[in-house]
Amino acid sequence: MPSDMDKVYIFDTTLRDGEQSPGVSLNAQEKIEIARQLERLGVDIVEAGFPFSSPGDLEAVRAVAREVRGPSIAALAHANPGAVDAAWEAIKEAAQPRIHVFLSTSDIHMAHQLRKSREEVHDLAVAMVRRAAGYTSDVEFSPMDATRSDPLFLHQLLEAVIEAGATTVNIPDTVGYTTPEEFAQLLQGIFATVPNLDRARVSVHCHNDLGLAVANSLAAVRVGARQVEVCVNGIGERAGNAALEEVVMGLRTRRDFYRADTDVDTRQIEKTSRLVSEFTGMWVQPNKAIVGANAFKHHSGIHQDGVLKERTTYEIMDPQSIGIRGSTLVLGKLSGRHALRTRLEELGYTLKDEELDRAFRAFKDLADRKKEINDRDLEALVTHERRAIEEVYRLDSVQVTTGDHIVALATVEMTEPGGAHRTEVGRGNGPVDAVYEAINKIVQLPVELDDFEVRSVTEGNDALGEVTVRLHCGGRDYMGRGTNTDIIVASARAYVTALNRALSAGPITAPL
């Protein structure tokens, strides 16, 4: 970073606010893998979760704190003694632990949600920040719904929590209500009025309900905020959060305007985006800025002509700067294990021997049905094989009979826990419905299919299809993803993956 640039700290909350996206549920191993990639990306703080929300999340945050040593590891806690204590219990082994305390400060939240007066909120915030500061010197405080709060009350509260030990004060636009100009004015008022603000870093956390999360975040940087809270791919509660890749590349591309930059290794952006999409089951829209499939594609003849003559005529960023590769090694059914390993390593995947064996078998199976296998095929294949979910039930075979004048029939064979094989026949309105009925007969869980999505991962008649399902089971949602050139098989794999997620999460009562 040039010496005349201010540093903006990147606080990534993909593992906490991102996991609040409907249908997303990350296990401990998935959180660790994403956190390790965020470490390679170079973020400064990783908010690993909300430990007080469940014993499982506390253990997942603790695992991240133990395994990932580069960035600070933050844990969220609402203004409750038990929550603050749980946050510390989860992150106390981190190399750089941070407790993040939040409490609503808008009149609408205080009256209808907290049912507390301003004085009560003030005293509770101070007490909980002081409690957190007793555990660690790195304490962040967020006045939730700050952009709809009375500025004078906000100023008084920020001064008090800094005095109590907060070293970062975060100004959240919790419901995505503000605009860039209005947000800048709010922050300028904070900078001008809070007398001890020089003892804390000012952060912002913007939601995207009006599509302004990134614009608001960058407007805040422009007036002095030096931490931005983001999620990879912009995922998160409701319409999501400010997208990490957009904030980072906005600052990097327009350093001349913002006079600020980050320590992020932007070459890791594309890989990070794909990993988060894979584990959360949330697709990136093709026209998404920076990481969308169309972000660096040119269809117009005029644009193509310009780019061929000089890339910068229509590209303000170099695709390679975010890790997009320009060449593809074509693999097929005659390729061997060494060729597969070499290409995967070039793509950034280092597999253990047993992982390579599974990937090679899946690769050969795909190669028998597809003439050419490109990089996107390989990435979809290897991430499917590496997914860290206990395989309680294994899908062995699927056969269907269907047509426009007959009832669809499906025969499914699966390996049950303990190694026994079981075969069931299902009937349905179509082949996928029949397959799912057969699987349900074997697994016997009280599930509801809430969402079913199918897309093509690659192009051509032999494209690799990818199916994502969301099941509701035992009061929770579980995502599953499956890939295959046969969309029926991909549908079965996705369904079984979601069922295995549900079973791995703990005992489920009320069988079918």
Protein backbone atom coordinates (compact mmCIF):
# COMPACT_ATOMS: atom_id res chain seq x y z
CA MET A 1 0.00 0.00 0.00
CA PRO A 2 1.41 3.46 -0.90
CA SER A 3 2.57 5.42 2.16
CA ASP A 4 0.09 8.22 1.51
CA MET A 5 -2.88 5.80 1.70
CA ASP A 6 -4.90 5.22 4.85
CA LYS A 7 -5.58 1.60 5.69
CA VAL A 8 -9.19 0.39 5.82
CA TYR A 9 -9.62 -2.69 8.01
CA ILE A 10 -11.80 -5.42 6.55
CA PHE A 11 -14.10 -7.08 9.08
CA ASP A 12 -15.61 -10.16 7.44
CA THR A 13 -18.88 -11.42 8.90
CA THR A 14 -19.65 -14.13 6.34
CA LEU A 15 -19.55 -16.79 9.07
CA ARG A 16 -21.98 -14.86 11.30
CA ASP A 17 -24.24 -12.44 9.40
CA GLY A 18 -23.74 -14.40 6.19
CA GLU A 19 -24.92 -17.57 7.92
CA GLN A 20 -28.12 -15.73 8.86
CA SER A 21 -29.14 -15.97 5.19
CA PRO A 22 -32.30 -18.11 4.99
CA GLY A 23 -31.43 -21.76 4.38
CA VAL A 24 -27.72 -21.43 5.18
CA SER A 25 -26.26 -23.66 7.90
CA LEU A 26 -22.50 -24.16 8.12
CA ASN A 27 -20.92 -26.93 10.16
CA ALA A 28 -17.69 -26.46 12.09
CA GLN A 29 -15.45 -27.89 9.36
CA GLU A 30 -17.02 -25.67 6.72
CA LYS A 31 -16.54 -22.62 8.95
CA ILE A 32 -12.89 -23.53 9.44
CA GLU A 33 -12.31 -23.97 5.70
CA ILE A 34 -13.95 -20.63 4.86
CA ALA A 35 -12.02 -18.92 7.68
CA ARG A 36 -8.74 -20.32 6.36
CA GLN A 37 -9.56 -18.96 2.92
CA LEU A 38 -10.42 -15.58 4.46
CA GLU A 39 -7.00 -15.69 6.13
CA ARG A 40 -5.37 -16.30 2.73
CA LEU A 41 -7.47 -13.45 1.35
CA GLY A 42 -5.96 -11.17 3.97
CA VAL A 43 -8.97 -9.88 5.90
CA ASP A 44 -8.15 -8.27 9.24
CA ILE A 45 -11.01 -9.60 11.37
CA VAL A 46 -13.16 -12.71 10.98
CA GLU A 47 -16.43 -12.69 12.89
CA ALA A 48 -16.82 -16.43 13.39
CA GLY A 49 -20.32 -16.56 14.86
CA PHE A 50 -22.74 -15.88 17.70
CA PRO A 51 -21.69 -18.36 20.41
CA PHE A 52 -24.66 -17.72 22.73
CA SER A 53 -27.11 -18.75 19.99
CA SER A 54 -26.39 -22.49 20.34
CA PRO A 55 -23.85 -24.93 21.79
CA GLY A 56 -23.00 -25.96 18.24
CA ASP A 57 -22.12 -22.44 17.19
CA LEU A 58 -20.00 -21.94 20.32
CA GLU A 59 -17.99 -25.04 19.41
CA ALA A 60 -17.68 -23.93 15.78
CA VAL A 61 -16.37 -20.50 16.82
CA ARG A 62 -13.97 -22.14 19.25
CA ALA A 63 -12.66 -24.39 16.45
CA VAL A 64 -12.07 -21.39 14.17
CA ALA A 65 -10.29 -19.54 17.00
CA ARG A 66 -7.97 -22.48 17.52
CA GLU A 67 -7.23 -23.17 13.86
CA VAL A 68 -7.00 -19.72 12.24
CA ARG A 69 -4.23 -17.59 13.71
CA GLY A 70 -3.65 -14.72 11.29
CA PRO A 71 -6.68 -12.41 11.54
CA SER A 72 -8.43 -11.34 14.72
CA ILE A 73 -11.30 -13.69 15.57
CA ALA A 74 -14.46 -11.95 16.75
CA ALA A 75 -17.53 -13.38 18.45
CA LEU A 76 -20.84 -11.56 18.58
CA ALA A 77 -22.75 -11.05 21.84
CA HIS A 78 -25.92 -9.16 22.59
CA ALA A 79 -25.94 -7.05 25.75
CA ASN A 80 -26.40 -9.95 28.13
CA PRO A 81 -23.88 -11.25 30.70
CA GLY A 82 -24.29 -14.85 29.56
CA ALA A 83 -23.78 -13.88 25.92
CA VAL A 84 -20.60 -11.93 26.69
CA ASP A 85 -19.28 -14.83 28.76
CA ALA A 86 -20.09 -17.31 25.98
CA ALA A 87 -18.32 -15.13 23.43
CA TRP A 88 -15.17 -15.13 25.52
CA GLU A 89 -15.39 -18.86 26.14
CA ALA A 90 -15.49 -19.40 22.37
CA ILE A 91 -12.59 -17.12 21.39
CA LYS A 92 -10.29 -17.14 24.42
CA GLU A 93 -7.79 -19.39 22.60
CA ALA A 94 -7.59 -17.09 19.57
CA ALA A 95 -4.30 -15.36 18.80
CA GLN A 96 -6.18 -12.04 18.64
CA PRO A 97 -9.62 -12.35 20.29
CA ARG A 98 -12.34 -9.71 19.90
CA ILE A 99 -15.73 -9.52 21.61
CA HIS A 100 -18.39 -7.68 19.62
CA VAL A 101 -21.26 -6.38 21.79
CA PHE A 102 -24.43 -4.98 20.23
CA LEU A 103 -27.56 -3.27 21.61
CA SER A 104 -30.37 -1.42 19.84
CA THR A 105 -30.45 2.36 20.18
CA SER A 106 -33.29 3.53 17.93
CA ASP A 107 -36.52 4.63 19.58
CA ILE A 108 -38.52 2.09 17.58
CA HIS A 109 -36.29 -0.79 18.74
CA MET A 110 -36.11 0.41 22.34
CA ALA A 111 -39.87 0.85 22.60
CA HIS A 112 -41.13 -2.23 20.75
CA GLN A 113 -38.31 -4.80 21.00
CA LEU A 114 -36.27 -4.03 24.10
CA ARG A 115 -39.02 -2.19 26.02
CA LYS A 116 -36.33 -0.20 27.78
CA SER A 117 -35.74 3.50 28.30
CA ARG A 118 -32.75 5.37 26.93
CA GLU A 119 -31.22 5.45 30.40
CA GLU A 120 -31.57 1.67 30.75
CA VAL A 121 -30.03 1.08 27.33
CA HIS A 122 -27.16 3.45 28.14
CA ASP A 123 -26.38 1.72 31.43
CA LEU A 124 -26.69 -1.79 29.96
CA ALA A 125 -24.38 -0.98 27.04
CA VAL A 126 -21.73 0.44 29.36
CA ALA A 127 -21.97 -2.53 31.73
CA MET A 128 -21.64 -5.12 28.97
CA VAL A 129 -18.74 -3.34 27.27
CA ARG A 130 -17.01 -3.12 30.63
CA ARG A 131 -17.66 -6.85 31.16
CA ALA A 132 -16.18 -7.68 27.74
CA ALA A 133 -13.17 -5.43 28.42
CA GLY A 134 -12.51 -7.50 31.51
CA TYR A 135 -11.77 -10.42 29.19
CA THR A 136 -9.94 -8.76 26.28
CA SER A 137 -8.53 -5.38 25.31
CA ASP A 138 -10.18 -5.68 21.86
CA VAL A 139 -13.85 -4.82 22.27
CA GLU A 140 -16.24 -3.62 19.59
CA PHE A 141 -19.63 -2.04 20.29
CA SER A 142 -22.49 -1.68 17.81
CA PRO A 143 -25.53 0.52 18.50
CA MET A 144 -27.98 -1.51 16.42
CA ASP A 145 -30.23 0.49 14.06
CA ALA A 146 -27.91 3.47 14.49
CA THR A 147 -29.12 5.16 11.30
CA ARG A 148 -32.64 5.47 12.76
CA SER A 149 -31.38 6.55 16.20
CA ASP A 150 -31.43 10.04 17.69
CA PRO A 151 -27.94 11.43 16.88
CA LEU A 152 -27.56 13.16 20.25
CA PHE A 153 -28.32 9.95 22.16
CA LEU A 154 -26.00 8.07 19.82
CA HIS A 155 -23.16 10.51 20.51
CA GLN A 156 -23.61 10.23 24.28
CA LEU A 157 -23.69 6.44 24.16
CA LEU A 158 -20.59 6.16 21.96
CA GLU A 159 -18.64 8.40 24.34
CA ALA A 160 -19.74 6.24 27.29
CA VAL A 161 -18.86 2.87 25.74
CA ILE A 162 -15.44 4.13 24.64
CA GLU A 163 -14.85 5.25 28.20
CA ALA A 164 -15.91 1.75 29.34
CA GLY A 165 -13.35 0.06 27.08
CA ALA A 166 -14.65 -0.15 23.51
CA THR A 167 -11.77 0.12 21.04
CA THR A 168 -13.97 -0.08 17.93
CA VAL A 169 -17.36 1.60 17.57
CA ASN A 170 -19.43 0.31 14.70
CA ILE A 171 -22.26 2.31 13.13
CA PRO A 172 -24.73 -0.18 11.64
CA ASP A 173 -27.33 0.60 9.03
CA THR A 174 -29.16 -2.46 10.31
CA VAL A 175 -32.23 -2.26 8.07
CA GLY A 176 -30.59 -0.67 5.01
CA TYR A 177 -32.46 2.59 5.54
CA THR A 178 -29.92 5.32 4.93
CA THR A 179 -28.44 6.91 1.81
CA PRO A 180 -24.78 7.75 1.09
CA GLU A 181 -25.21 11.48 1.68
CA GLU A 182 -27.23 11.00 4.86
CA PHE A 183 -24.84 8.35 6.20
CA ALA A 184 -21.85 10.61 5.57
CA GLN A 185 -23.56 13.41 7.51
CA LEU A 186 -24.28 11.07 10.44
CA LEU A 187 -20.64 10.00 10.60
CA GLN A 188 -19.35 13.54 10.28
CA GLY A 189 -21.53 14.46 13.26
CA ILE A 190 -20.02 11.59 15.25
CA PHE A 191 -16.47 12.64 14.36
CA ALA A 192 -17.19 16.24 15.31
CA THR A 193 -19.09 15.59 18.54
CA VAL A 194 -17.79 12.49 20.38
CA PRO A 195 -14.82 13.87 22.35
CA ASN A 196 -12.93 10.60 22.96
CA LEU A 197 -13.38 9.15 19.49
CA ASP A 198 -9.62 9.28 18.95
CA ARG A 199 -9.40 6.26 21.30
CA ALA A 200 -11.49 4.02 19.02
CA ARG A 201 -11.64 3.00 15.37
CA VAL A 202 -14.87 3.88 13.59
CA SER A 203 -16.49 1.03 11.67
CA VAL A 204 -19.62 0.69 9.51
CA HIS A 205 -21.93 -2.24 8.86
CA CYS A 206 -24.39 -1.66 6.02
CA HIS A 207 -27.30 -3.78 4.84
CA ASN A 208 -28.55 -3.84 1.28
CA ASP A 209 -32.32 -3.47 1.58
CA LEU A 210 -32.31 -0.50 -0.82
CA GLY A 211 -29.29 -1.72 -2.79
CA LEU A 212 -27.04 0.90 -1.19
CA ALA A 213 -24.86 -1.15 1.17
CA VAL A 214 -21.62 -0.75 -0.81
CA ALA A 215 -22.33 2.88 -1.71
CA ASN A 216 -23.02 3.71 1.95
CA SER A 217 -19.87 1.87 3.08
CA LEU A 218 -17.66 3.72 0.61
CA ALA A 219 -19.28 7.04 1.53
CA ALA A 220 -18.34 6.28 5.15
CA VAL A 221 -14.72 5.61 4.19
CA ARG A 222 -14.67 8.90 2.32
CA VAL A 223 -15.46 10.81 5.56
CA GLY A 224 -13.16 8.85 7.86
CA ALA A 225 -14.45 5.37 8.74
CA ARG A 226 -11.51 2.97 8.79
CA GLN A 227 -13.22 -0.40 9.25
CA VAL A 228 -15.88 -1.83 6.95
CA GLU A 229 -17.95 -4.91 7.80
CA VAL A 230 -18.69 -7.09 4.81
CA CYS A 231 -19.77 -10.52 3.59
CA VAL A 232 -18.36 -12.48 0.67
CA ASN A 233 -20.77 -12.27 -2.29
CA GLY A 234 -22.89 -9.79 -0.31
CA ILE A 235 -24.85 -12.55 1.47
CA GLY A 236 -26.56 -12.02 4.81
CA GLU A 237 -29.80 -11.23 6.56
CA ARG A 238 -32.68 -10.30 4.19
CA ALA A 239 -31.15 -8.58 1.12
CA GLY A 240 -27.64 -9.13 2.44
CA ASN A 241 -24.65 -7.04 3.49
CA ALA A 242 -22.08 -4.91 1.74
CA ALA A 243 -20.16 -7.26 -0.56
CA LEU A 244 -16.52 -7.74 0.41
CA GLU A 245 -15.32 -7.94 -3.18
CA GLU A 246 -17.13 -4.75 -4.20
CA VAL A 247 -15.87 -2.70 -1.26
CA VAL A 248 -12.29 -3.94 -1.66
CA MET A 249 -12.15 -3.45 -5.43
CA GLY A 250 -13.95 -0.12 -5.16
CA LEU A 251 -11.19 1.13 -2.88
CA ARG A 252 -8.42 -0.50 -4.92
CA THR A 253 -9.67 0.75 -8.28
CA ARG A 254 -10.45 4.27 -7.05
CA ARG A 255 -7.54 4.88 -4.67
CA ASP A 256 -7.17 8.24 -6.36
CA PHE A 257 -10.57 9.26 -4.97
CA TYR A 258 -10.76 7.54 -1.57
CA ARG A 259 -7.07 7.87 -0.65
CA ALA A 260 -7.45 4.58 1.21
CA ASP A 261 -6.85 0.88 0.54
CA THR A 262 -6.90 -2.53 2.23
CA ASP A 263 -4.38 -5.30 2.82
CA VAL A 264 -6.56 -7.81 0.95
CA ASP A 265 -4.84 -10.07 -1.60
CA THR A 266 -7.37 -9.47 -4.36
CA ARG A 267 -6.06 -12.44 -6.36
CA GLN A 268 -7.88 -14.64 -3.82
CA ILE A 269 -11.28 -13.00 -4.37
CA GLU A 270 -12.64 -15.30 -7.07
CA LYS A 271 -11.63 -18.46 -5.22
CA THR A 272 -13.14 -17.16 -1.98
CA SER A 273 -16.38 -16.30 -3.75
CA ARG A 274 -16.69 -19.78 -5.21
CA LEU A 275 -15.95 -21.47 -1.89
CA VAL A 276 -18.61 -19.47 -0.04
CA SER A 277 -21.13 -20.08 -2.82
CA GLU A 278 -20.39 -23.81 -2.69
CA PHE A 279 -20.76 -24.18 1.07
CA THR A 280 -23.80 -21.92 1.46
CA GLY A 281 -25.66 -23.07 -1.64
CA MET A 282 -26.27 -19.43 -2.61
CA TRP A 283 -25.59 -18.80 -6.28
CA VAL A 284 -23.86 -15.67 -7.52
CA GLN A 285 -26.00 -13.92 -10.10
CA PRO A 286 -24.28 -13.71 -13.51
CA ASN A 287 -24.32 -9.89 -13.60
CA LYS A 288 -22.97 -9.55 -10.05
CA ALA A 289 -20.16 -6.99 -9.86
CA ILE A 290 -16.60 -8.38 -9.62
CA VAL A 291 -17.39 -12.10 -9.21
CA GLY A 292 -20.42 -12.68 -11.47
CA ALA A 293 -19.96 -14.99 -14.46
CA ASN A 294 -20.54 -12.06 -16.83
CA ALA A 295 -18.41 -9.50 -14.96
CA PHE A 296 -15.52 -9.79 -17.44
CA LYS A 297 -17.38 -11.03 -20.53
CA HIS A 298 -17.96 -8.81 -23.54
CA HIS A 299 -20.85 -9.49 -25.95
CA SER A 300 -21.18 -6.25 -27.88
CA GLY A 301 -19.11 -6.16 -31.04
CA ILE A 302 -17.96 -2.63 -30.27
CA HIS A 303 -16.82 -3.67 -26.80
CA GLN A 304 -15.05 -6.75 -28.16
CA ASP A 305 -13.23 -4.64 -30.73
CA GLY A 306 -12.11 -2.18 -28.06
CA VAL A 307 -10.91 -4.83 -25.62
CA LEU A 308 -8.95 -6.64 -28.35
CA LYS A 309 -7.15 -3.40 -29.18
CA GLU A 310 -6.62 -2.25 -25.57
CA ARG A 311 -8.08 -4.04 -22.55
CA THR A 312 -8.63 -0.85 -20.54
CA THR A 313 -11.08 0.55 -23.10
CA TYR A 314 -13.86 -1.45 -21.45
CA GLU A 315 -12.25 -3.07 -18.40
CA ILE A 316 -11.49 -0.90 -15.39
CA MET A 317 -10.04 -3.93 -13.56
CA ASP A 318 -7.68 -6.65 -14.73
CA PRO A 319 -9.51 -10.01 -14.39
CA GLN A 320 -6.28 -11.57 -13.16
CA SER A 321 -6.22 -9.12 -10.25
CA ILE A 322 -9.14 -10.99 -8.65
CA GLY A 323 -7.84 -14.45 -9.55
CA ILE A 324 -9.71 -15.22 -12.76
CA ARG A 325 -7.61 -17.51 -14.95
CA GLY A 326 -7.33 -17.01 -18.68
CA SER A 327 -6.45 -20.50 -19.90
CA THR A 328 -8.09 -23.91 -19.62
CA LEU A 329 -6.45 -27.33 -19.69
CA VAL A 330 -8.81 -29.72 -21.48
CA LEU A 331 -9.09 -33.07 -19.73
CA GLY A 332 -10.96 -36.15 -20.94
CA LYS A 333 -11.45 -39.87 -20.38
CA LEU A 334 -7.90 -40.73 -21.51
CA SER A 335 -6.30 -38.47 -18.89
CA GLY A 336 -4.55 -40.10 -15.94
CA ARG A 337 -4.35 -39.44 -12.22
CA HIS A 338 -1.15 -37.38 -12.56
CA ALA A 339 -2.73 -35.04 -15.09
CA LEU A 340 -5.74 -34.58 -12.81
CA ARG A 341 -3.59 -33.88 -9.75
CA THR A 342 -1.41 -31.41 -11.70
CA ARG A 343 -4.35 -29.43 -13.02
CA LEU A 344 -6.07 -29.37 -9.62
CA GLU A 345 -2.87 -28.04 -8.03
CA GLU A 346 -2.70 -25.35 -10.72
CA LEU A 347 -6.26 -24.43 -9.75
CA GLY A 348 -5.22 -24.19 -6.11
CA TYR A 349 -6.50 -27.52 -4.79
CA THR A 350 -4.08 -29.76 -2.90
CA LEU A 351 -5.84 -33.06 -2.19
CA LYS A 352 -4.90 -35.81 0.21
CA ASP A 353 -4.45 -39.26 -1.35
CA GLU A 354 -7.90 -40.49 -0.31
CA GLU A 355 -9.49 -37.25 -1.53
CA LEU A 356 -7.69 -37.60 -4.86
CA ASP A 357 -8.89 -41.20 -5.16
CA ARG A 358 -12.52 -40.11 -4.73
CA ALA A 359 -12.06 -37.17 -7.08
CA PHE A 360 -10.40 -39.38 -9.71
CA ARG A 361 -13.24 -41.90 -9.62
CA ALA A 362 -15.77 -39.09 -9.99
CA PHE A 363 -13.64 -37.58 -12.76
CA LYS A 364 -13.55 -40.85 -14.71
CA ASP A 365 -17.29 -41.27 -14.28
CA LEU A 366 -17.84 -37.75 -15.62
CA ALA A 367 -15.34 -38.24 -18.45
CA ASP A 368 -17.30 -41.25 -19.75
CA ARG A 369 -20.31 -38.96 -20.26
CA LYS A 370 -18.62 -35.70 -21.27
CA LYS A 371 -16.21 -35.14 -24.15
CA GLU A 372 -14.19 -32.39 -22.55
CA ILE A 373 -13.83 -31.40 -18.91
CA ASN A 374 -12.90 -27.79 -18.22
CA ASP A 375 -11.82 -25.93 -15.08
CA ARG A 376 -15.34 -25.19 -13.92
CA ASP A 377 -16.20 -28.90 -14.20
CA LEU A 378 -13.16 -29.73 -12.08
CA GLU A 379 -13.95 -27.13 -9.42
CA ALA A 380 -17.55 -28.33 -9.12
CA LEU A 381 -16.34 -31.94 -8.94
CA VAL A 382 -13.63 -31.46 -6.33
CA THR A 383 -15.66 -29.23 -4.02
CA HIS A 384 -18.47 -31.81 -4.12
CA GLU A 385 -16.03 -34.59 -3.19
CA ARG A 386 -14.41 -32.55 -0.38
CA ARG A 387 -17.60 -31.34 1.25
CA ALA A 388 -17.19 -31.94 4.99
CA ILE A 389 -20.46 -33.70 5.82
CA GLU A 390 -20.73 -37.04 7.57
CA GLU A 391 -22.11 -39.57 5.06
CA VAL A 392 -24.72 -41.28 7.22
CA TYR A 393 -26.53 -42.65 4.16
CA ARG A 394 -24.76 -43.25 0.83
CA LEU A 395 -26.54 -43.14 -2.50
CA ASP A 396 -25.54 -46.22 -4.54
CA SER A 397 -27.77 -46.19 -7.62
CA VAL A 398 -30.80 -44.49 -9.14
CA GLN A 399 -33.01 -45.81 -11.95
CA VAL A 400 -36.17 -44.15 -13.23
CA THR A 401 -38.96 -44.93 -15.66
CA THR A 402 -40.96 -41.95 -16.83
CA GLY A 403 -42.94 -40.53 -19.71
CA ASP A 404 -45.82 -38.22 -20.57
CA HIS A 405 -48.53 -40.92 -20.21
CA ILE A 406 -47.21 -43.06 -17.36
CA VAL A 407 -46.64 -42.65 -13.64
CA ALA A 408 -42.96 -42.02 -12.91
CA LEU A 409 -41.26 -44.88 -11.07
CA ALA A 410 -37.87 -44.73 -9.37
CA THR A 411 -35.73 -47.48 -7.88
CA VAL A 412 -33.14 -46.24 -5.40
CA GLU A 413 -30.43 -48.28 -3.68
CA MET A 414 -28.66 -46.82 -0.64
CA THR A 415 -26.17 -47.95 1.98
CA GLU A 416 -27.56 -47.50 5.48
CA PRO A 417 -25.59 -46.81 8.66
CA GLY A 418 -23.77 -50.03 9.52
CA GLY A 419 -23.22 -50.99 5.88
CA ALA A 420 -26.52 -52.72 5.01
CA HIS A 421 -27.92 -52.11 1.52
CA ARG A 422 -31.55 -51.26 1.01
CA THR A 423 -33.61 -50.75 -2.14
CA GLU A 424 -36.97 -48.98 -2.37
CA VAL A 425 -39.33 -48.02 -5.18
CA GLY A 426 -41.06 -44.66 -5.30
CA ARG A 427 -43.88 -43.22 -7.41
CA GLY A 428 -44.36 -39.56 -8.16
CA ASN A 429 -45.63 -36.78 -10.41
CA GLY A 430 -42.28 -36.86 -12.18
CA PRO A 431 -38.92 -38.64 -11.96
CA VAL A 432 -37.48 -36.37 -9.25
CA ASP A 433 -40.62 -36.68 -7.11
CA ALA A 434 -40.46 -40.47 -7.48
CA VAL A 435 -36.77 -40.55 -6.53
CA TYR A 436 -37.42 -38.47 -3.43
CA GLU A 437 -40.30 -40.74 -2.36
CA ALA A 438 -38.00 -43.77 -2.60
CA ILE A 439 -35.27 -42.02 -0.60
CA ASN A 440 -37.79 -41.00 2.06
CA LYS A 441 -38.86 -44.63 2.46
CA ILE A 442 -35.25 -45.56 3.23
CA VAL A 443 -34.21 -42.65 5.45
CA GLN A 444 -37.57 -42.02 7.16
CA LEU A 445 -37.14 -38.45 8.34
CA PRO A 446 -39.94 -35.87 8.78
CA VAL A 447 -38.81 -33.52 6.00
CA GLU A 448 -40.43 -30.90 3.82
CA LEU A 449 -38.90 -29.83 0.51
CA ASP A 450 -38.90 -26.02 0.64
CA ASP A 451 -36.81 -25.17 -2.40
CA PHE A 452 -35.44 -26.89 -5.51
CA GLU A 453 -33.08 -25.17 -7.97
CA VAL A 454 -31.28 -26.52 -10.99
CA ARG A 455 -28.67 -24.89 -13.19
CA SER A 456 -25.97 -25.75 -15.67
CA VAL A 457 -22.44 -25.41 -14.33
CA THR A 458 -20.87 -25.61 -17.78
CA GLU A 459 -21.95 -25.15 -21.38
CA GLY A 460 -22.81 -27.62 -24.15
CA ASN A 461 -24.99 -30.68 -24.67
CA ASP A 462 -22.96 -32.62 -22.12
CA ALA A 463 -23.03 -29.84 -19.51
CA LEU A 464 -22.57 -30.68 -15.86
CA GLY A 465 -25.85 -29.99 -14.06
CA GLU A 466 -26.05 -28.80 -10.48
CA VAL A 467 -29.07 -29.09 -8.20
CA THR A 468 -29.60 -27.33 -4.86
CA VAL A 469 -32.39 -28.27 -2.47
CA ARG A 470 -33.48 -26.82 0.86
CA LEU A 471 -35.22 -29.16 3.30
CA HIS A 472 -37.03 -28.28 6.52
CA CYS A 473 -36.45 -30.87 9.21
CA GLY A 474 -36.66 -30.75 12.99
CA GLY A 475 -37.32 -27.01 13.01
CA ARG A 476 -34.26 -26.11 10.89
CA ASP A 477 -33.40 -25.68 7.21
CA TYR A 478 -30.68 -27.75 5.53
CA MET A 479 -29.09 -27.16 2.14
CA GLY A 480 -27.87 -29.89 -0.18
CA ARG A 481 -26.12 -29.72 -3.53
CA GLY A 482 -25.47 -32.42 -6.12
CA THR A 483 -23.70 -32.43 -9.49
CA ASN A 484 -23.93 -34.83 -12.42
CA THR A 485 -24.49 -34.77 -16.16
CA ASP A 486 -27.77 -36.58 -15.37
CA ILE A 487 -30.01 -34.07 -13.62
CA ILE A 488 -32.03 -36.85 -11.92
CA VAL A 489 -28.89 -38.26 -10.32
CA ALA A 490 -27.80 -34.72 -9.34
CA SER A 491 -31.24 -34.21 -7.73
CA ALA A 492 -30.87 -37.42 -5.73
CA ARG A 493 -27.37 -36.49 -4.57
CA ALA A 494 -28.53 -33.04 -3.46
CA TYR A 495 -31.44 -34.53 -1.50
CA VAL A 496 -29.25 -37.13 0.24
CA THR A 497 -26.64 -34.47 1.07
CA ALA A 498 -29.32 -32.33 2.77
CA LEU A 499 -30.64 -35.37 4.68
CA ASN A 500 -27.10 -36.22 5.84
CA ARG A 501 -26.68 -32.63 7.03
CA ALA A 502 -29.85 -32.99 9.09
CA LEU A 503 -28.74 -36.31 10.56
CA SER A 504 -25.23 -34.99 11.32
CA ALA A 505 -26.70 -32.05 13.23
CA GLY A 506 -28.07 -34.33 15.97
CA PRO A 507 -30.98 -36.64 16.84
CA ILE A 508 -34.29 -35.87 15.12
CA THR A 509 -37.55 -37.05 16.62
CA ALA A 510 -40.98 -37.72 15.11
CA PRO A 511 -40.12 -40.15 12.30
CA LEU A 512 -42.37 -40.49 9.29
